Amino acid sequence: MFDWDDMRVFLAVARARKIAPAARALGLDPTTLTRRIGRLEKALGARLFDLSMGERLLSEQGLAMLAHAERVESASLAAMEEATGKSRMLSGQVRLSVAEGFGTWVLAPGLADFHARHAGIRLDLISASGFLNPSKREADMALMLARPQRGRLSARRLGDYRLHLYAADAYLEQRGEPASPAALLHHTLIGYVPDFIFSPELDYLNEVHAGLEAHLRATSINMQYRMIAESAGIGILPDFIGRRDPKLRPLLTDAVQITRSFWLVIHEDLRKLPRIEAVAQWLQERVAHMN
């Protein structure tokens, strides 16, 4: 048997991912907290955390334990709510891996609303070069451009978004507007660095016309947007970026229409946790108002 209070310690470390902040949250010293985690692991006969780059990440056994521990916590909080008449607040950390453009233009404007609704949830938005993988416990959730084919993951399509060619009025006044996709061969094109395209869904130019190559390239969609806005050339942008700038003009809208999808990916052991469900609901709302 184990001490049920050690479950509270386990949850604190699982959410903070580090010993020191978890100890501060519980009013314990780090040595005591570490000893209690060791005691719980010994009682269960399982390693609950893996140490990676200074963080305590849940092991497979730890992920399974997390679901049970949070159900116990939820039941305790519900009992307190019923006894005291005070409503409980969702809490904990959620690490969400998102593409830079979506995070900047769609999620960031809605974060004040999310925090007002769920002040107890600490939401980390990670826009690394590539998506972090929930199956490897690099993130709790990820918004990806394709459905993953392996891993103990729950995946659902949140919605589609469209992309078009865009150019600044100043560029078009100087170079003229292309009359067809083939005419783009004679224009300065802006796009991704091929060696650093982390998802094949970002390789757009071949869909527009064979042989097109970007002359000015960046790994960041925000950098590409700035280059296009500053009249450096023509590039492909999601409409949730391009349509927000009145200085940009969509080009060849009948001939070039690109559609991509956002997939919400969550580790199977986490998807029913209340804080994860709250973030998922908010993401669905943001996608619904994206275009």
C-alpha atoms as a PDB file:
ATOM      1  CA  MET A   1       0.000   0.000   0.000  1.00  0.00           C
ATOM      2  CA  PHE A   2       1.042   3.624  -0.422  1.00  0.00           C
ATOM      3  CA  ASP A   3       0.241   6.889   1.297  1.00  0.00           C
ATOM      4  CA  TRP A   4      -2.659   8.535  -0.560  1.00  0.00           C
ATOM      5  CA  ASP A   5      -1.160  11.952   0.165  1.00  0.00           C
ATOM      6  CA  ASP A   6       1.767  10.970  -2.061  1.00  0.00           C
ATOM      7  CA  MET A   7      -0.693  11.147  -4.960  1.00  0.00           C
ATOM      8  CA  ARG A   8      -0.868  14.904  -4.344  1.00  0.00           C
ATOM      9  CA  VAL A   9       2.929  15.058  -4.537  1.00  0.00           C
ATOM     10  CA  PHE A  10       2.922  12.992  -7.718  1.00  0.00           C
ATOM     11  CA  LEU A  11       0.383  15.325  -9.367  1.00  0.00           C
ATOM     12  CA  ALA A  12       2.405  18.404  -8.446  1.00  0.00           C
ATOM     13  CA  VAL A  13       5.573  17.032 -10.063  1.00  0.00           C
ATOM     14  CA  ALA A  14       3.669  15.758 -13.115  1.00  0.00           C
ATOM     15  CA  ARG A  15       2.220  19.230 -13.692  1.00  0.00           C
ATOM     16  CA  ALA A  16       5.304  21.315 -12.904  1.00  0.00           C
ATOM     17  CA  ARG A  17       7.762  18.893 -14.554  1.00  0.00           C
ATOM     18  CA  LYS A  18      10.404  20.029 -12.063  1.00  0.00           C
ATOM     19  CA  ILE A  19      11.026  19.323  -8.388  1.00  0.00           C
ATOM     20  CA  ALA A  20      11.632  22.884  -7.127  1.00  0.00           C
ATOM     21  CA  PRO A  21       8.403  24.539  -8.370  1.00  0.00           C
ATOM     22  CA  ALA A  22       6.377  21.495  -7.321  1.00  0.00           C
ATOM     23  CA  ALA A  23       7.883  21.693  -3.837  1.00  0.00           C
ATOM     24  CA  ARG A  24       7.084  25.411  -3.599  1.00  0.00           C
ATOM     25  CA  ALA A  25       3.489  24.793  -4.655  1.00  0.00           C
ATOM     26  CA  LEU A  26       3.064  22.200  -1.882  1.00  0.00           C
ATOM     27  CA  GLY A  27       5.023  24.044   0.797  1.00  0.00           C
ATOM     28  CA  LEU A  28       7.608  21.251   1.026  1.00  0.00           C
ATOM     29  CA  ASP A  29      11.358  21.291   0.688  1.00  0.00           C
ATOM     30  CA  PRO A  30      12.732  19.641  -2.492  1.00  0.00           C
ATOM     31  CA  THR A  31      14.498  16.884  -0.587  1.00  0.00           C
ATOM     32  CA  THR A  32      11.300  15.797   1.149  1.00  0.00           C
ATOM     33  CA  LEU A  33       9.361  15.899  -2.120  1.00  0.00           C
ATOM     34  CA  THR A  34      11.990  13.800  -3.924  1.00  0.00           C
ATOM     35  CA  ARG A  35      11.954  11.269  -1.086  1.00  0.00           C
ATOM     36  CA  ARG A  36       8.174  10.986  -1.236  1.00  0.00           C
ATOM     37  CA  ILE A  37       8.227  10.394  -5.006  1.00  0.00           C
ATOM     38  CA  GLY A  38      10.792   7.655  -4.434  1.00  0.00           C
ATOM     39  CA  ARG A  39       8.594   6.163  -1.720  1.00  0.00           C
ATOM     40  CA  LEU A  40       5.591   6.125  -4.052  1.00  0.00           C
ATOM     41  CA  GLU A  41       7.584   4.512  -6.882  1.00  0.00           C
ATOM     42  CA  LYS A  42       8.856   1.842  -4.490  1.00  0.00           C
ATOM     43  CA  ALA A  43       5.350   1.116  -3.218  1.00  0.00           C
ATOM     44  CA  LEU A  44       4.013   0.794  -6.757  1.00  0.00           C
ATOM     45  CA  GLY A  45       7.036  -1.047  -8.096  1.00  0.00           C
ATOM     46  CA  ALA A  46       7.152   1.281 -11.104  1.00  0.00           C
ATOM     47  CA  ARG A  47       9.233   4.209 -12.352  1.00  0.00           C
ATOM     48  CA  LEU A  48       6.851   7.149 -12.722  1.00  0.00           C
ATOM     49  CA  PHE A  49       9.203   9.761 -14.192  1.00  0.00           C
ATOM     50  CA  ASP A  50      12.035   9.935 -16.702  1.00  0.00           C
ATOM     51  CA  LEU A  51      14.614  12.717 -16.418  1.00  0.00           C
ATOM     52  CA  SER A  52      15.121  14.588 -19.709  1.00  0.00           C
ATOM     53  CA  MET A  53      16.935  17.902 -20.142  1.00  0.00           C
ATOM     54  CA  GLY A  54      16.340  18.850 -16.529  1.00  0.00           C
ATOM     55  CA  GLU A  55      12.642  17.991 -16.552  1.00  0.00           C
ATOM     56  CA  ARG A  56      10.712  15.149 -14.946  1.00  0.00           C
ATOM     57  CA  LEU A  57       8.641  13.651 -17.754  1.00  0.00           C
ATOM     58  CA  LEU A  58       6.036  11.016 -17.103  1.00  0.00           C
ATOM     59  CA  SER A  59       6.993   7.473 -18.031  1.00  0.00           C
ATOM     60  CA  GLU A  60       4.438   5.144 -19.577  1.00  0.00           C
ATOM     61  CA  GLN A  61       3.579   3.921 -16.080  1.00  0.00           C
ATOM     62  CA  GLY A  62       3.415   7.525 -14.911  1.00  0.00           C
ATOM     63  CA  LEU A  63       0.982   8.446 -17.670  1.00  0.00           C
ATOM     64  CA  ALA A  64      -1.276   5.591 -16.671  1.00  0.00           C
ATOM     65  CA  MET A  65      -1.060   6.661 -13.023  1.00  0.00           C
ATOM     66  CA  LEU A  66      -1.823  10.295 -13.935  1.00  0.00           C
ATOM     67  CA  ALA A  67      -5.262   9.444 -15.262  1.00  0.00           C
ATOM     68  CA  HIS A  68      -6.160   7.606 -12.039  1.00  0.00           C
ATOM     69  CA  ALA A  69      -4.650  10.276  -9.794  1.00  0.00           C
ATOM     70  CA  GLU A  70      -6.566  13.080 -11.483  1.00  0.00           C
ATOM     71  CA  ARG A  71      -9.811  11.136 -11.206  1.00  0.00           C
ATOM     72  CA  VAL A  72      -9.166  10.800  -7.464  1.00  0.00           C
ATOM     73  CA  GLU A  73      -8.404  14.525  -7.272  1.00  0.00           C
ATOM     74  CA  SER A  74     -11.526  15.422  -9.260  1.00  0.00           C
ATOM     75  CA  ALA A  75     -13.688  13.278  -6.991  1.00  0.00           C
ATOM     76  CA  SER A  76     -12.162  14.930  -3.900  1.00  0.00           C
ATOM     77  CA  LEU A  77     -12.692  18.417  -5.289  1.00  0.00           C
ATOM     78  CA  ALA A  78     -16.256  17.583  -6.304  1.00  0.00           C
ATOM     79  CA  ALA A  79     -16.954  16.379  -2.768  1.00  0.00           C
ATOM     80  CA  MET A  80     -15.534  19.602  -1.330  1.00  0.00           C
ATOM     81  CA  GLU A  81     -17.587  21.630  -3.793  1.00  0.00           C
ATOM     82  CA  GLU A  82     -20.761  19.854  -2.781  1.00  0.00           C
ATOM     83  CA  ALA A  83     -19.990  20.231   0.922  1.00  0.00           C
ATOM     84  CA  THR A  84     -18.949  23.899   0.815  1.00  0.00           C
ATOM     85  CA  GLY A  85     -20.981  25.199  -2.116  1.00  0.00           C
ATOM     86  CA  LYS A  86     -17.839  26.651  -3.726  1.00  0.00           C
ATOM     87  CA  SER A  87     -17.172  25.858  -7.386  1.00  0.00           C
ATOM     88  CA  ARG A  88     -13.822  24.322  -8.239  1.00  0.00           C
ATOM     89  CA  MET A  89     -11.367  25.698 -10.781  1.00  0.00           C
ATOM     90  CA  LEU A  90      -9.438  23.649 -13.331  1.00  0.00           C
ATOM     91  CA  SER A  91      -5.706  23.752 -12.724  1.00  0.00           C
ATOM     92  CA  GLY A  92      -2.418  22.336 -13.927  1.00  0.00           C
ATOM     93  CA  GLN A  93      -0.038  22.711 -16.822  1.00  0.00           C
ATOM     94  CA  VAL A  94      -0.785  21.952 -20.470  1.00  0.00           C
ATOM     95  CA  ARG A  95       1.987  21.960 -23.055  1.00  0.00           C
ATOM     96  CA  LEU A  96       0.637  22.554 -26.567  1.00  0.00           C
ATOM     97  CA  SER A  97       2.776  22.196 -29.682  1.00  0.00           C
ATOM     98  CA  VAL A  98       1.601  24.460 -32.523  1.00  0.00           C
ATOM     99  CA  ALA A  99       2.843  25.860 -35.800  1.00  0.00           C
ATOM    100  CA  GLU A 100       4.261  29.362 -35.445  1.00  0.00           C
ATOM    101  CA  GLY A 101       1.787  31.037 -37.775  1.00  0.00           C
ATOM    102  CA  PHE A 102      -1.272  29.473 -36.159  1.00  0.00           C
ATOM    103  CA  GLY A 103       0.017  30.268 -32.691  1.00  0.00           C
ATOM    104  CA  THR A 104       0.755  33.901 -33.566  1.00  0.00           C
ATOM    105  CA  TRP A 105      -2.285  34.811 -35.653  1.00  0.00           C
ATOM    106  CA  VAL A 106      -5.051  32.543 -34.314  1.00  0.00           C
ATOM    107  CA  LEU A 107      -4.250  31.479 -30.751  1.00  0.00           C
ATOM    108  CA  ALA A 108      -2.413  34.471 -29.278  1.00  0.00           C
ATOM    109  CA  PRO A 109      -5.342  36.890 -29.836  1.00  0.00           C
ATOM    110  CA  GLY A 110      -7.602  34.546 -27.850  1.00  0.00           C
ATOM    111  CA  LEU A 111      -5.315  33.827 -24.893  1.00  0.00           C
ATOM    112  CA  ALA A 112      -6.742  36.613 -22.710  1.00  0.00           C
ATOM    113  CA  ASP A 113     -10.193  35.030 -23.056  1.00  0.00           C
ATOM    114  CA  PHE A 114      -8.827  31.559 -22.258  1.00  0.00           C
ATOM    115  CA  HIS A 115      -7.034  32.827 -19.149  1.00  0.00           C
ATOM    116  CA  ALA A 116     -10.152  34.640 -17.967  1.00  0.00           C
ATOM    117  CA  ARG A 117     -12.092  31.375 -18.205  1.00  0.00           C
ATOM    118  CA  HIS A 118      -9.380  29.055 -16.847  1.00  0.00           C
ATOM    119  CA  ALA A 119      -6.981  31.098 -14.728  1.00  0.00           C
ATOM    120  CA  GLY A 120      -5.743  27.956 -12.976  1.00  0.00           C
ATOM    121  CA  ILE A 121      -4.413  26.344 -16.165  1.00  0.00           C
ATOM    122  CA  ARG A 122      -0.852  27.255 -17.131  1.00  0.00           C
ATOM    123  CA  LEU A 123      -0.794  26.932 -20.916  1.00  0.00           C
ATOM    124  CA  ASP A 124       2.585  26.591 -22.645  1.00  0.00           C
ATOM    125  CA  LEU A 125       2.560  27.219 -26.408  1.00  0.00           C
ATOM    126  CA  ILE A 126       5.586  25.580 -28.040  1.00  0.00           C
ATOM    127  CA  SER A 127       6.339  26.629 -31.627  1.00  0.00           C
ATOM    128  CA  ALA A 128       9.552  24.723 -32.275  1.00  0.00           C
ATOM    129  CA  SER A 129      10.902  23.890 -35.724  1.00  0.00           C
ATOM    130  CA  GLY A 130       8.591  20.952 -36.203  1.00  0.00           C
ATOM    131  CA  PHE A 131       5.827  19.564 -34.037  1.00  0.00           C
ATOM    132  CA  LEU A 132       6.547  18.019 -30.658  1.00  0.00           C
ATOM    133  CA  ASN A 133       5.259  14.482 -30.386  1.00  0.00           C
ATOM    134  CA  PRO A 134       2.675  13.588 -27.702  1.00  0.00           C
ATOM    135  CA  SER A 135       3.487   9.883 -28.109  1.00  0.00           C
ATOM    136  CA  LYS A 136       7.048  10.639 -26.915  1.00  0.00           C
ATOM    137  CA  ARG A 137       5.680  12.824 -24.089  1.00  0.00           C
ATOM    138  CA  GLU A 138       7.328  15.920 -25.599  1.00  0.00           C
ATOM    139  CA  ALA A 139       3.966  17.703 -25.391  1.00  0.00           C
ATOM    140  CA  ASP A 140       0.539  17.022 -23.934  1.00  0.00           C
ATOM    141  CA  MET A 141      -1.231  18.105 -27.119  1.00  0.00           C
ATOM    142  CA  ALA A 142      -0.184  19.018 -30.640  1.00  0.00           C
ATOM    143  CA  LEU A 143      -1.922  20.744 -33.507  1.00  0.00           C
ATOM    144  CA  MET A 144      -0.558  18.983 -36.584  1.00  0.00           C
ATOM    145  CA  LEU A 145      -1.099  19.197 -40.335  1.00  0.00           C
ATOM    146  CA  ALA A 146      -1.587  15.461 -40.840  1.00  0.00           C
ATOM    147  CA  ARG A 147      -3.019  12.600 -38.815  1.00  0.00           C
ATOM    148  CA  PRO A 148      -0.216  10.584 -37.175  1.00  0.00           C
ATOM    149  CA  GLN A 149      -0.044   6.975 -38.268  1.00  0.00           C
ATOM    150  CA  ARG A 150       1.393   5.403 -35.111  1.00  0.00           C
ATOM    151  CA  GLY A 151       1.498   5.768 -31.356  1.00  0.00           C
ATOM    152  CA  ARG A 152      -1.112   5.620 -28.581  1.00  0.00           C
ATOM    153  CA  LEU A 153      -2.690   8.847 -29.735  1.00  0.00           C
ATOM    154  CA  SER A 154      -6.153  10.294 -30.084  1.00  0.00           C
ATOM    155  CA  ALA A 155      -6.492  12.435 -33.224  1.00  0.00           C
ATOM    156  CA  ARG A 156      -9.389  14.423 -34.628  1.00  0.00           C
ATOM    157  CA  ARG A 157      -9.621  17.000 -37.368  1.00  0.00           C
ATOM    158  CA  LEU A 158     -10.420  20.432 -35.997  1.00  0.00           C
ATOM    159  CA  GLY A 159     -10.999  22.065 -39.372  1.00  0.00           C
ATOM    160  CA  ASP A 160      -9.588  23.142 -42.705  1.00  0.00           C
ATOM    161  CA  TYR A 161      -7.851  26.352 -43.719  1.00  0.00           C
ATOM    162  CA  ARG A 162      -7.057  27.840 -47.117  1.00  0.00           C
ATOM    163  CA  LEU A 163      -3.932  29.392 -48.555  1.00  0.00           C
ATOM    164  CA  HIS A 164      -3.431  31.708 -51.529  1.00  0.00           C
ATOM    165  CA  LEU A 165      -0.699  33.568 -53.313  1.00  0.00           C
ATOM    166  CA  TYR A 166      -0.204  37.070 -51.932  1.00  0.00           C
ATOM    167  CA  ALA A 167       1.795  40.135 -52.943  1.00  0.00           C
ATOM    168  CA  ALA A 168       1.997  43.738 -51.791  1.00  0.00           C
ATOM    169  CA  ASP A 169       0.500  46.444 -53.980  1.00  0.00           C
ATOM    170  CA  ALA A 170       3.913  48.121 -54.227  1.00  0.00           C
ATOM    171  CA  TYR A 171       5.482  44.941 -55.645  1.00  0.00           C
ATOM    172  CA  LEU A 172       2.697  44.512 -58.210  1.00  0.00           C
ATOM    173  CA  GLU A 173       2.971  48.141 -59.318  1.00  0.00           C
ATOM    174  CA  GLN A 174       6.648  47.575 -60.046  1.00  0.00           C
ATOM    175  CA  ARG A 175       6.631  44.038 -61.473  1.00  0.00           C
ATOM    176  CA  GLY A 176       3.051  43.584 -62.686  1.00  0.00           C
ATOM    177  CA  GLU A 177       0.481  40.984 -61.701  1.00  0.00           C
ATOM    178  CA  PRO A 178       1.019  37.416 -62.987  1.00  0.00           C
ATOM    179  CA  ALA A 179      -1.690  36.328 -65.414  1.00  0.00           C
ATOM    180  CA  SER A 180      -1.243  32.581 -64.822  1.00  0.00           C
ATOM    181  CA  PRO A 181       0.644  30.159 -62.562  1.00  0.00           C
ATOM    182  CA  ALA A 182       3.262  29.730 -65.312  1.00  0.00           C
ATOM    183  CA  ALA A 183       3.932  33.474 -65.218  1.00  0.00           C
ATOM    184  CA  LEU A 184       5.239  33.072 -61.684  1.00  0.00           C
ATOM    185  CA  LEU A 185       8.437  31.681 -63.208  1.00  0.00           C
ATOM    186  CA  HIS A 186       9.303  35.306 -64.021  1.00  0.00           C
ATOM    187  CA  HIS A 187       8.641  36.684 -60.547  1.00  0.00           C
ATOM    188  CA  THR A 188      10.529  36.719 -57.257  1.00  0.00           C
ATOM    189  CA  LEU A 189       9.053  34.011 -55.081  1.00  0.00           C
ATOM    190  CA  ILE A 190       9.166  33.671 -51.309  1.00  0.00           C
ATOM    191  CA  GLY A 191       8.870  30.355 -49.499  1.00  0.00           C
ATOM    192  CA  TYR A 192      10.304  27.810 -47.084  1.00  0.00           C
ATOM    193  CA  VAL A 193      13.883  26.538 -46.978  1.00  0.00           C
ATOM    194  CA  PRO A 194      13.495  23.063 -48.558  1.00  0.00           C
ATOM    195  CA  ASP A 195      15.931  21.316 -46.213  1.00  0.00           C
ATOM    196  CA  PHE A 196      13.978  22.549 -43.196  1.00  0.00           C
ATOM    197  CA  ILE A 197      10.403  21.795 -44.254  1.00  0.00           C
ATOM    198  CA  PHE A 198       9.313  19.708 -41.256  1.00  0.00           C
ATOM    199  CA  SER A 199       6.012  18.588 -42.792  1.00  0.00           C
ATOM    200  CA  PRO A 200       5.324  17.705 -46.449  1.00  0.00           C
ATOM    201  CA  GLU A 201       2.057  19.651 -46.165  1.00  0.00           C
ATOM    202  CA  LEU A 202       4.157  22.852 -46.176  1.00  0.00           C
ATOM    203  CA  ASP A 203       5.648  22.138 -49.610  1.00  0.00           C
ATOM    204  CA  TYR A 204       3.233  24.287 -51.613  1.00  0.00           C
ATOM    205  CA  LEU A 205       5.022  25.570 -54.715  1.00  0.00           C
ATOM    206  CA  ASN A 206       4.926  22.313 -56.675  1.00  0.00           C
ATOM    207  CA  GLU A 207       1.147  22.331 -56.300  1.00  0.00           C
ATOM    208  CA  VAL A 208       0.983  25.748 -57.955  1.00  0.00           C
ATOM    209  CA  HIS A 209       3.128  25.023 -61.020  1.00  0.00           C
ATOM    210  CA  ALA A 210       5.919  22.608 -61.877  1.00  0.00           C
ATOM    211  CA  GLY A 211       9.415  24.019 -61.587  1.00  0.00           C
ATOM    212  CA  LEU A 212       8.665  26.871 -59.213  1.00  0.00           C
ATOM    213  CA  GLU A 213      11.391  27.605 -56.659  1.00  0.00           C
ATOM    214  CA  ALA A 214      11.593  30.240 -53.968  1.00  0.00           C
ATOM    215  CA  HIS A 215      14.317  32.858 -54.376  1.00  0.00           C
ATOM    216  CA  LEU A 216      13.961  34.287 -50.861  1.00  0.00           C
ATOM    217  CA  ARG A 217      13.487  31.617 -48.227  1.00  0.00           C
ATOM    218  CA  ALA A 218      12.838  31.393 -44.493  1.00  0.00           C
ATOM    219  CA  THR A 219      11.913  28.670 -42.027  1.00  0.00           C
ATOM    220  CA  SER A 220       9.438  31.049 -40.372  1.00  0.00           C
ATOM    221  CA  ILE A 221       6.029  31.837 -41.881  1.00  0.00           C
ATOM    222  CA  ASN A 222       6.081  35.150 -40.017  1.00  0.00           C
ATOM    223  CA  MET A 223       9.358  36.068 -41.727  1.00  0.00           C
ATOM    224  CA  GLN A 224       7.843  35.133 -45.073  1.00  0.00           C
ATOM    225  CA  TYR A 225       4.845  37.326 -44.327  1.00  0.00           C
ATOM    226  CA  ARG A 226       7.089  40.283 -43.523  1.00  0.00           C
ATOM    227  CA  MET A 227       9.058  39.809 -46.757  1.00  0.00           C
ATOM    228  CA  ILE A 228       5.838  39.726 -48.777  1.00  0.00           C
ATOM    229  CA  ALA A 229       4.446  42.761 -46.941  1.00  0.00           C
ATOM    230  CA  GLU A 230       7.672  44.674 -47.624  1.00  0.00           C
ATOM    231  CA  SER A 231       7.299  44.074 -51.393  1.00  0.00           C
ATOM    232  CA  ALA A 232      10.156  41.579 -51.677  1.00  0.00           C
ATOM    233  CA  GLY A 233       8.145  39.133 -53.785  1.00  0.00           C
ATOM    234  CA  ILE A 234       5.141  36.822 -54.089  1.00  0.00           C
ATOM    235  CA  GLY A 235       4.477  34.077 -51.580  1.00  0.00           C
ATOM    236  CA  ILE A 236       1.871  31.651 -50.279  1.00  0.00           C
ATOM    237  CA  LEU A 237       0.204  32.537 -46.993  1.00  0.00           C
ATOM    238  CA  PRO A 238      -2.671  31.084 -45.010  1.00  0.00           C
ATOM    239  CA  ASP A 239      -5.708  33.296 -45.425  1.00  0.00           C
ATOM    240  CA  PHE A 240      -5.790  33.823 -41.647  1.00  0.00           C
ATOM    241  CA  ILE A 241      -2.550  35.785 -42.161  1.00  0.00           C
ATOM    242  CA  GLY A 242      -2.860  37.273 -45.648  1.00  0.00           C
ATOM    243  CA  ARG A 243      -6.399  38.597 -45.348  1.00  0.00           C
ATOM    244  CA  ARG A 244      -5.584  40.553 -42.200  1.00  0.00           C
ATOM    245  CA  ASP A 245      -3.213  42.901 -44.015  1.00  0.00           C
ATOM    246  CA  PRO A 246      -5.023  45.397 -46.274  1.00  0.00           C
ATOM    247  CA  LYS A 247      -1.772  46.098 -48.155  1.00  0.00           C
ATOM    248  CA  LEU A 248      -1.653  42.536 -49.477  1.00  0.00           C
ATOM    249  CA  ARG A 249      -3.566  41.363 -52.529  1.00  0.00           C
ATOM    250  CA  PRO A 250      -4.532  37.709 -53.185  1.00  0.00           C
ATOM    251  CA  LEU A 251      -3.462  36.531 -56.645  1.00  0.00           C
ATOM    252  CA  LEU A 252      -4.774  33.922 -59.103  1.00  0.00           C
ATOM    253  CA  THR A 253      -7.552  32.987 -56.696  1.00  0.00           C
ATOM    254  CA  ASP A 254      -9.433  30.916 -59.283  1.00  0.00           C
ATOM    255  CA  ALA A 255      -6.379  28.998 -60.482  1.00  0.00           C
ATOM    256  CA  VAL A 256      -4.561  28.484 -57.173  1.00  0.00           C
ATOM    257  CA  GLN A 257      -6.511  27.194 -54.183  1.00  0.00           C
ATOM    258  CA  ILE A 258      -4.652  25.245 -51.511  1.00  0.00           C
ATOM    259  CA  THR A 259      -6.389  23.598 -48.567  1.00  0.00           C
ATOM    260  CA  ARG A 260      -4.839  22.075 -45.462  1.00  0.00           C
ATOM    261  CA  SER A 261      -6.261  20.625 -42.240  1.00  0.00           C
ATOM    262  CA  PHE A 262      -5.486  21.019 -38.560  1.00  0.00           C
ATOM    263  CA  TRP A 263      -5.443  17.814 -36.507  1.00  0.00           C
ATOM    264  CA  LEU A 264      -5.618  17.859 -32.726  1.00  0.00           C
ATOM    265  CA  VAL A 265      -3.400  15.085 -31.381  1.00  0.00           C
ATOM    266  CA  ILE A 266      -3.422  14.033 -27.716  1.00  0.00           C
ATOM    267  CA  HIS A 267      -1.842  11.106 -25.928  1.00  0.00           C
ATOM    268  CA  GLU A 268      -4.551   8.531 -25.282  1.00  0.00           C
ATOM    269  CA  ASP A 269      -3.911   8.556 -21.520  1.00  0.00           C
ATOM    270  CA  LEU A 270      -4.446  12.328 -21.275  1.00  0.00           C
ATOM    271  CA  ARG A 271      -7.404  13.074 -23.516  1.00  0.00           C
ATOM    272  CA  LYS A 272     -10.105  12.775 -20.816  1.00  0.00           C
ATOM    273  CA  LEU A 273      -8.375  14.970 -18.244  1.00  0.00           C
ATOM    274  CA  PRO A 274     -10.522  18.042 -17.517  1.00  0.00           C
ATOM    275  CA  ARG A 275      -7.774  20.582 -18.240  1.00  0.00           C
ATOM    276  CA  ILE A 276      -6.970  18.876 -21.553  1.00  0.00           C
ATOM    277  CA  GLU A 277     -10.650  18.896 -22.497  1.00  0.00           C
ATOM    278  CA  ALA A 278     -10.846  22.607 -21.644  1.00  0.00           C
ATOM    279  CA  VAL A 279      -7.921  23.445 -23.941  1.00  0.00           C
ATOM    280  CA  ALA A 280      -9.347  21.222 -26.700  1.00  0.00           C
ATOM    281  CA  GLN A 281     -12.681  23.027 -26.529  1.00  0.00           C
ATOM    282  CA  TRP A 282     -10.942  26.413 -26.715  1.00  0.00           C
ATOM    283  CA  LEU A 283      -8.900  25.269 -29.741  1.00  0.00           C
ATOM    284  CA  GLN A 284     -12.075  24.191 -31.501  1.00  0.00           C
ATOM    285  CA  GLU A 285     -13.554  27.634 -30.882  1.00  0.00           C
ATOM    286  CA  ARG A 286     -10.442  29.395 -32.226  1.00  0.00           C
ATOM    287  CA  VAL A 287     -10.418  27.261 -35.385  1.00  0.00           C
ATOM    288  CA  ALA A 288     -14.128  27.911 -35.959  1.00  0.00           C
ATOM    289  CA  HIS A 289     -13.453  31.679 -36.029  1.00  0.00           C
ATOM    290  CA  MET A 290     -10.165  31.391 -37.921  1.00  0.00           C
ATOM    291  CA  ASN A 291     -11.254  32.332 -41.456  1.00  0.00           C
END
